[in-house]
Amino acid sequence: MPQALSGWTSKTPLQSATKEADSAAATLKSGQAVQATLHHTREVAYVVEPDKPGGSVAYGGILAVQISKAGTYQFSLGSGAWIDVVSGASKIASTAHGHGPECSSIRKAVAFPLKPGHYIVQISANAAPTLDIMISPKL
């Protein structure tokens, strides 16, 4: 596992929020993987409608992240869930998509160019009520 992803092997439980106002308690920290508990999609008040909200049996949630240094950041996910990174009321366009290293449980990796500031991370269309997720500087 590359050094930037070393935190993937030790996940901390984290309850996702159902609305932006409660997202401070669901904050991701760079280099620290979490197992996020999600909610039925119909219970989540997304800031911006996800491109792939998922059906009535899908799960999703809202997380927060604070960026202190500009750069490209990778969100590693343990499933094929949809991820949007939101600033204000605008989605940030992703710049790369891929998979994690072989022999890892990282199924999906999505990169976003982020400036210093606060962002909302929207998860949608997950098949299970939990999701392993981590943010790290892009490899």
N, C-alpha and C. Protein backbone atom coordinates (compact mmCIF):
# COMPACT_ATOMS: atom_id res chain seq x y z
N MET A 1 0.85 -1.18 0.00
CA MET A 1 0.00 0.00 0.00
C MET A 1 0.89 1.24 0.00
N PRO A 2 0.64 2.19 -0.89
CA PRO A 2 1.41 3.43 -0.87
C PRO A 2 1.26 4.16 0.47
N GLN A 3 2.27 4.91 0.87
CA GLN A 3 2.25 5.62 2.15
C GLN A 3 1.01 6.49 2.31
N ALA A 4 0.59 7.18 1.24
CA ALA A 4 -0.57 8.07 1.33
C ALA A 4 -1.86 7.32 1.66
N LEU A 5 -1.87 6.00 1.43
CA LEU A 5 -3.06 5.20 1.70
C LEU A 5 -2.89 4.28 2.91
N SER A 6 -1.83 4.45 3.66
CA SER A 6 -1.57 3.55 4.81
C SER A 6 -2.68 3.58 5.85
N GLY A 7 -3.41 4.68 5.96
CA GLY A 7 -4.51 4.79 6.92
C GLY A 7 -5.71 3.93 6.56
N TRP A 8 -5.73 3.38 5.35
CA TRP A 8 -6.86 2.57 4.89
C TRP A 8 -7.03 1.29 5.72
N THR A 9 -5.96 0.79 6.27
CA THR A 9 -6.03 -0.50 6.97
C THR A 9 -6.64 -0.40 8.37
N SER A 10 -6.84 0.80 8.89
CA SER A 10 -7.39 0.98 10.23
C SER A 10 -8.52 2.00 10.16
N LYS A 11 -9.76 1.50 10.16
CA LYS A 11 -10.91 2.39 9.98
C LYS A 11 -11.62 2.68 11.30
N THR A 12 -12.01 3.93 11.46
CA THR A 12 -12.74 4.39 12.63
C THR A 12 -14.22 4.52 12.26
N PRO A 13 -15.13 4.11 13.12
CA PRO A 13 -16.55 4.30 12.81
C PRO A 13 -16.92 5.78 12.80
N LEU A 14 -17.82 6.17 11.89
CA LEU A 14 -18.27 7.55 11.79
C LEU A 14 -19.71 7.55 11.28
N GLN A 15 -20.59 8.23 11.97
CA GLN A 15 -21.99 8.36 11.57
C GLN A 15 -22.10 9.51 10.58
N SER A 16 -22.58 9.25 9.37
CA SER A 16 -22.79 10.34 8.41
C SER A 16 -24.00 11.17 8.84
N ALA A 17 -24.09 12.35 8.31
CA ALA A 17 -25.21 13.24 8.61
C ALA A 17 -26.30 13.06 7.54
N THR A 18 -27.49 13.53 7.86
CA THR A 18 -28.59 13.51 6.90
C THR A 18 -28.85 14.89 6.32
N LYS A 19 -28.17 15.91 6.88
CA LYS A 19 -28.31 17.27 6.36
C LYS A 19 -27.02 18.04 6.64
N GLU A 20 -26.79 19.07 5.84
CA GLU A 20 -25.56 19.85 5.94
C GLU A 20 -25.35 20.43 7.34
N ALA A 21 -26.41 20.87 7.99
CA ALA A 21 -26.29 21.51 9.31
C ALA A 21 -25.68 20.59 10.35
N ASP A 22 -25.77 19.28 10.15
CA ASP A 22 -25.22 18.32 11.11
C ASP A 22 -23.88 17.71 10.66
N SER A 23 -23.31 18.23 9.58
CA SER A 23 -22.13 17.60 8.99
C SER A 23 -20.84 17.79 9.80
N ALA A 24 -20.77 18.77 10.69
CA ALA A 24 -19.55 18.99 11.48
C ALA A 24 -19.19 17.77 12.32
N ALA A 25 -20.19 17.01 12.74
CA ALA A 25 -19.95 15.81 13.53
C ALA A 25 -19.55 14.63 12.66
N ALA A 26 -19.54 14.83 11.35
CA ALA A 26 -19.20 13.76 10.40
C ALA A 26 -18.05 14.20 9.51
N THR A 27 -16.96 14.61 10.14
CA THR A 27 -15.83 15.19 9.41
C THR A 27 -14.75 14.15 9.09
N LEU A 28 -14.33 14.14 7.83
CA LEU A 28 -13.22 13.31 7.39
C LEU A 28 -11.92 14.06 7.64
N LYS A 29 -10.86 13.30 7.99
CA LYS A 29 -9.53 13.88 8.16
C LYS A 29 -8.59 13.18 7.18
N SER A 30 -7.77 13.95 6.52
CA SER A 30 -6.87 13.41 5.52
C SER A 30 -6.00 12.29 6.10
N GLY A 31 -5.96 11.18 5.38
CA GLY A 31 -5.12 10.05 5.77
C GLY A 31 -5.74 9.11 6.78
N GLN A 32 -6.95 9.40 7.25
CA GLN A 32 -7.62 8.54 8.23
C GLN A 32 -8.88 7.95 7.61
N ALA A 33 -8.89 6.64 7.45
CA ALA A 33 -10.05 5.96 6.89
C ALA A 33 -11.14 5.83 7.93
N VAL A 34 -12.38 5.87 7.46
CA VAL A 34 -13.52 5.67 8.35
C VAL A 34 -14.45 4.63 7.73
N GLN A 35 -15.22 4.00 8.59
CA GLN A 35 -16.35 3.20 8.12
C GLN A 35 -17.58 4.04 8.45
N ALA A 36 -18.12 4.68 7.43
CA ALA A 36 -19.25 5.59 7.60
C ALA A 36 -20.56 4.82 7.60
N THR A 37 -21.37 5.08 8.61
CA THR A 37 -22.72 4.55 8.64
C THR A 37 -23.60 5.49 7.83
N LEU A 38 -24.34 4.93 6.89
CA LEU A 38 -25.16 5.73 5.98
C LEU A 38 -26.64 5.61 6.34
N HIS A 39 -27.47 6.31 5.58
CA HIS A 39 -28.92 6.36 5.81
C HIS A 39 -29.64 6.00 4.52
N HIS A 40 -30.90 5.59 4.62
CA HIS A 40 -31.68 5.40 3.40
C HIS A 40 -31.70 6.72 2.65
N THR A 41 -31.57 6.65 1.35
CA THR A 41 -31.49 7.84 0.51
C THR A 41 -32.63 8.82 0.79
N ARG A 42 -33.83 8.32 1.00
CA ARG A 42 -34.97 9.23 1.21
C ARG A 42 -34.85 10.05 2.49
N GLU A 43 -33.93 9.67 3.40
CA GLU A 43 -33.73 10.40 4.65
C GLU A 43 -32.69 11.51 4.53
N VAL A 44 -31.96 11.56 3.41
CA VAL A 44 -30.85 12.50 3.25
C VAL A 44 -31.30 13.73 2.46
N ALA A 45 -31.05 14.90 3.04
CA ALA A 45 -31.34 16.18 2.38
C ALA A 45 -30.04 16.68 1.75
N TYR A 46 -29.78 16.26 0.52
CA TYR A 46 -28.54 16.64 -0.16
C TYR A 46 -28.51 18.15 -0.44
N VAL A 47 -27.32 18.72 -0.38
CA VAL A 47 -27.13 20.14 -0.68
C VAL A 47 -27.42 20.39 -2.15
N VAL A 48 -26.90 19.52 -2.99
CA VAL A 48 -27.10 19.55 -4.44
C VAL A 48 -27.54 18.15 -4.85
N GLU A 49 -28.53 18.04 -5.70
CA GLU A 49 -29.03 16.73 -6.12
C GLU A 49 -27.89 15.91 -6.74
N PRO A 50 -27.64 14.70 -6.22
CA PRO A 50 -26.58 13.86 -6.81
C PRO A 50 -26.93 13.45 -8.24
N ASP A 51 -25.91 13.26 -9.07
CA ASP A 51 -26.14 12.78 -10.43
C ASP A 51 -26.70 11.36 -10.40
N LYS A 52 -26.31 10.60 -9.38
CA LYS A 52 -26.80 9.23 -9.21
C LYS A 52 -27.32 9.07 -7.78
N PRO A 53 -28.58 9.42 -7.56
CA PRO A 53 -29.11 9.35 -6.19
C PRO A 53 -29.35 7.93 -5.70
N GLY A 54 -29.50 6.98 -6.60
CA GLY A 54 -29.81 5.61 -6.18
C GLY A 54 -31.30 5.44 -6.01
N GLY A 55 -31.72 4.21 -5.91
CA GLY A 55 -33.15 3.91 -5.78
C GLY A 55 -33.61 3.93 -4.33
N SER A 56 -34.81 3.43 -4.12
CA SER A 56 -35.43 3.47 -2.80
C SER A 56 -34.72 2.58 -1.78
N VAL A 57 -33.92 1.63 -2.24
CA VAL A 57 -33.20 0.77 -1.29
C VAL A 57 -31.73 1.16 -1.16
N ALA A 58 -31.34 2.27 -1.76
CA ALA A 58 -29.95 2.73 -1.70
C ALA A 58 -29.69 3.50 -0.40
N TYR A 59 -28.41 3.67 -0.10
CA TYR A 59 -27.98 4.38 1.09
C TYR A 59 -27.09 5.56 0.70
N GLY A 60 -27.08 6.57 1.56
CA GLY A 60 -26.25 7.73 1.32
C GLY A 60 -26.03 8.51 2.60
N GLY A 61 -25.33 9.60 2.49
CA GLY A 61 -25.07 10.42 3.67
C GLY A 61 -24.25 11.64 3.30
N ILE A 62 -24.08 12.50 4.30
CA ILE A 62 -23.33 13.74 4.13
C ILE A 62 -22.17 13.74 5.12
N LEU A 63 -20.99 14.04 4.60
CA LEU A 63 -19.77 14.17 5.40
C LEU A 63 -19.19 15.55 5.14
N ALA A 64 -18.25 15.95 5.95
CA ALA A 64 -17.58 17.24 5.76
C ALA A 64 -16.08 17.01 5.70
N VAL A 65 -15.38 17.93 5.08
CA VAL A 65 -13.92 17.90 5.07
C VAL A 65 -13.42 19.34 5.01
N GLN A 66 -12.37 19.60 5.76
CA GLN A 66 -11.72 20.91 5.78
C GLN A 66 -10.36 20.76 5.10
N ILE A 67 -10.11 21.54 4.08
CA ILE A 67 -8.84 21.49 3.35
C ILE A 67 -8.01 22.71 3.73
N SER A 68 -6.75 22.47 4.14
CA SER A 68 -5.88 23.57 4.53
C SER A 68 -4.85 23.93 3.46
N LYS A 69 -4.58 23.01 2.54
CA LYS A 69 -3.57 23.25 1.51
C LYS A 69 -4.15 22.88 0.15
N ALA A 70 -4.04 23.78 -0.81
CA ALA A 70 -4.55 23.52 -2.15
C ALA A 70 -3.85 22.33 -2.78
N GLY A 71 -4.61 21.56 -3.53
CA GLY A 71 -4.04 20.41 -4.22
C GLY A 71 -5.13 19.50 -4.74
N THR A 72 -4.71 18.41 -5.32
CA THR A 72 -5.64 17.40 -5.79
C THR A 72 -5.73 16.33 -4.71
N TYR A 73 -6.95 16.03 -4.30
CA TYR A 73 -7.19 15.06 -3.24
C TYR A 73 -7.99 13.88 -3.79
N GLN A 74 -7.61 12.71 -3.30
CA GLN A 74 -8.26 11.47 -3.72
C GLN A 74 -9.19 10.98 -2.63
N PHE A 75 -10.41 10.65 -3.02
CA PHE A 75 -11.35 9.99 -2.13
C PHE A 75 -11.35 8.52 -2.51
N SER A 76 -10.95 7.67 -1.58
CA SER A 76 -10.93 6.22 -1.79
C SER A 76 -12.18 5.65 -1.15
N LEU A 77 -12.87 4.79 -1.90
CA LEU A 77 -14.11 4.20 -1.42
C LEU A 77 -14.03 2.67 -1.50
N GLY A 78 -14.67 2.02 -0.55
CA GLY A 78 -14.70 0.56 -0.53
C GLY A 78 -15.81 -0.03 -1.35
N SER A 79 -16.58 0.80 -2.06
CA SER A 79 -17.66 0.32 -2.92
C SER A 79 -17.75 1.23 -4.14
N GLY A 80 -18.72 0.95 -4.98
CA GLY A 80 -18.93 1.76 -6.17
C GLY A 80 -19.90 2.91 -5.94
N ALA A 81 -20.08 3.36 -4.71
CA ALA A 81 -21.00 4.45 -4.38
C ALA A 81 -20.67 5.69 -5.21
N TRP A 82 -21.67 6.55 -5.37
CA TRP A 82 -21.48 7.83 -6.04
C TRP A 82 -20.99 8.85 -5.03
N ILE A 83 -20.05 9.70 -5.43
CA ILE A 83 -19.53 10.73 -4.54
C ILE A 83 -19.56 12.08 -5.25
N ASP A 84 -20.06 13.07 -4.56
CA ASP A 84 -20.00 14.46 -5.02
C ASP A 84 -19.30 15.26 -3.94
N VAL A 85 -18.44 16.18 -4.34
CA VAL A 85 -17.83 17.13 -3.41
C VAL A 85 -18.42 18.49 -3.75
N VAL A 86 -18.97 19.15 -2.72
CA VAL A 86 -19.74 20.37 -2.92
C VAL A 86 -19.12 21.52 -2.15
N SER A 87 -19.03 22.67 -2.83
CA SER A 87 -18.59 23.91 -2.22
C SER A 87 -19.71 24.91 -2.40
N GLY A 88 -20.29 25.39 -1.29
CA GLY A 88 -21.46 26.27 -1.40
C GLY A 88 -22.62 25.49 -1.98
N ALA A 89 -23.06 25.88 -3.16
CA ALA A 89 -24.13 25.16 -3.84
C ALA A 89 -23.66 24.59 -5.17
N SER A 90 -22.33 24.43 -5.32
CA SER A 90 -21.76 23.95 -6.58
C SER A 90 -20.96 22.67 -6.38
N LYS A 91 -21.14 21.75 -7.31
CA LYS A 91 -20.34 20.53 -7.31
C LYS A 91 -18.96 20.84 -7.89
N ILE A 92 -17.95 20.23 -7.30
CA ILE A 92 -16.59 20.33 -7.83
C ILE A 92 -16.43 19.21 -8.86
N ALA A 93 -15.93 19.53 -10.03
CA ALA A 93 -15.73 18.52 -11.07
C ALA A 93 -14.54 17.64 -10.71
N SER A 94 -14.72 16.34 -10.80
CA SER A 94 -13.61 15.41 -10.54
C SER A 94 -12.64 15.46 -11.71
N THR A 95 -11.37 15.12 -11.42
CA THR A 95 -10.34 15.16 -12.46
C THR A 95 -9.80 13.78 -12.82
N ALA A 96 -10.11 12.77 -12.01
CA ALA A 96 -9.63 11.42 -12.31
C ALA A 96 -10.48 10.40 -11.56
N HIS A 97 -10.61 9.23 -12.18
CA HIS A 97 -11.32 8.10 -11.58
C HIS A 97 -10.46 6.87 -11.75
N GLY A 98 -10.52 5.98 -10.79
CA GLY A 98 -9.75 4.75 -10.92
C GLY A 98 -10.09 3.78 -9.82
N HIS A 99 -9.19 2.83 -9.64
CA HIS A 99 -9.34 1.81 -8.62
C HIS A 99 -8.18 1.93 -7.65
N GLY A 100 -8.31 1.28 -6.52
CA GLY A 100 -7.22 1.26 -5.55
C GLY A 100 -6.15 0.28 -5.96
N PRO A 101 -5.07 0.21 -5.19
CA PRO A 101 -4.00 -0.73 -5.49
C PRO A 101 -4.51 -2.18 -5.47
N GLU A 102 -3.90 -3.03 -6.27
CA GLU A 102 -4.27 -4.44 -6.25
C GLU A 102 -4.11 -4.99 -4.85
N CYS A 103 -4.92 -5.94 -4.51
CA CYS A 103 -4.92 -6.59 -3.19
C CYS A 103 -5.37 -5.65 -2.08
N SER A 104 -5.99 -4.52 -2.43
CA SER A 104 -6.57 -3.65 -1.40
C SER A 104 -8.08 -3.74 -1.55
N SER A 105 -8.79 -3.29 -0.56
CA SER A 105 -10.26 -3.29 -0.65
C SER A 105 -10.80 -1.96 -1.18
N ILE A 106 -9.92 -1.14 -1.74
CA ILE A 106 -10.36 0.12 -2.34
C ILE A 106 -10.93 -0.20 -3.72
N ARG A 107 -12.23 -0.02 -3.86
CA ARG A 107 -12.88 -0.35 -5.12
C ARG A 107 -12.88 0.84 -6.09
N LYS A 108 -12.95 2.04 -5.54
CA LYS A 108 -13.09 3.23 -6.38
C LYS A 108 -12.25 4.36 -5.79
N ALA A 109 -11.59 5.11 -6.67
CA ALA A 109 -10.81 6.28 -6.24
C ALA A 109 -11.17 7.44 -7.18
N VAL A 110 -11.56 8.56 -6.58
CA VAL A 110 -11.97 9.72 -7.37
C VAL A 110 -11.19 10.94 -6.87
N ALA A 111 -10.59 11.68 -7.81
CA ALA A 111 -9.75 12.83 -7.45
C ALA A 111 -10.48 14.14 -7.75
N PHE A 112 -10.28 15.12 -6.85
CA PHE A 112 -10.89 16.44 -6.98
C PHE A 112 -9.83 17.50 -6.69
N PRO A 113 -9.79 18.59 -7.48
CA PRO A 113 -8.90 19.71 -7.17
C PRO A 113 -9.58 20.58 -6.11
N LEU A 114 -8.94 20.73 -4.96
CA LEU A 114 -9.56 21.48 -3.87
C LEU A 114 -8.65 22.60 -3.39
N LYS A 115 -9.27 23.73 -3.09
CA LYS A 115 -8.58 24.88 -2.51
C LYS A 115 -8.84 24.86 -1.01
N PRO A 116 -8.08 25.62 -0.24
CA PRO A 116 -8.37 25.68 1.19
C PRO A 116 -9.82 26.10 1.44
N GLY A 117 -10.46 25.40 2.36
CA GLY A 117 -11.84 25.72 2.68
C GLY A 117 -12.61 24.51 3.17
N HIS A 118 -13.90 24.72 3.35
CA HIS A 118 -14.81 23.70 3.86
C HIS A 118 -15.61 23.11 2.70
N TYR A 119 -15.73 21.80 2.67
CA TYR A 119 -16.46 21.11 1.62
C TYR A 119 -17.43 20.10 2.23
N ILE A 120 -18.52 19.88 1.51
CA ILE A 120 -19.47 18.83 1.85
C ILE A 120 -19.22 17.67 0.90
N VAL A 121 -19.17 16.46 1.45
CA VAL A 121 -18.98 15.25 0.67
C VAL A 121 -20.31 14.49 0.70
N GLN A 122 -20.92 14.36 -0.45
CA GLN A 122 -22.21 13.68 -0.55
C GLN A 122 -21.99 12.27 -1.08
N ILE A 123 -22.49 11.30 -0.36
CA ILE A 123 -22.44 9.90 -0.78
C ILE A 123 -23.85 9.49 -1.16
N SER A 124 -24.00 8.83 -2.29
CA SER A 124 -25.30 8.34 -2.72
C SER A 124 -25.14 7.03 -3.47
N ALA A 125 -26.25 6.36 -3.70
CA ALA A 125 -26.30 5.13 -4.50
C ALA A 125 -25.43 4.01 -3.95
N ASN A 126 -25.27 3.94 -2.63
CA ASN A 126 -24.51 2.83 -2.05
C ASN A 126 -25.48 1.68 -1.76
N ALA A 127 -25.05 0.47 -2.02
CA ALA A 127 -25.91 -0.70 -1.84
C ALA A 127 -26.01 -1.15 -0.39
N ALA A 128 -25.07 -0.73 0.45
CA ALA A 128 -25.01 -1.19 1.84
C ALA A 128 -25.13 0.00 2.80
N PRO A 129 -25.48 -0.26 4.06
CA PRO A 129 -25.63 0.84 5.02
C PRO A 129 -24.32 1.36 5.60
N THR A 130 -23.20 0.82 5.17
CA THR A 130 -21.90 1.35 5.59
C THR A 130 -21.01 1.51 4.36
N LEU A 131 -20.02 2.40 4.49
CA LEU A 131 -19.08 2.65 3.42
C LEU A 131 -17.72 2.98 4.01
N ASP A 132 -16.70 2.28 3.56
CA ASP A 132 -15.33 2.62 3.93
C ASP A 132 -14.89 3.76 3.00
N ILE A 133 -14.37 4.85 3.58
CA ILE A 133 -13.99 6.02 2.79
C ILE A 133 -12.80 6.71 3.45
N MET A 134 -11.95 7.29 2.61
CA MET A 134 -10.77 8.02 3.09
C MET A 134 -10.41 9.10 2.07
N ILE A 135 -9.96 10.26 2.58
CA ILE A 135 -9.42 11.31 1.73
C ILE A 135 -7.92 11.37 1.97
N SER A 136 -7.18 11.57 0.89
CA SER A 136 -5.72 11.71 1.00
C SER A 136 -5.23 12.53 -0.20
N PRO A 137 -4.02 13.11 -0.08
CA PRO A 137 -3.48 13.78 -1.26
C PRO A 137 -3.37 12.79 -2.40
N LYS A 138 -3.63 13.24 -3.62
CA LYS A 138 -3.60 12.37 -4.80
C LYS A 138 -2.23 11.75 -4.96
N LEU A 139 -2.23 10.46 -5.27
CA LEU A 139 -0.98 9.72 -5.47
C LEU A 139 -0.32 10.13 -6.77
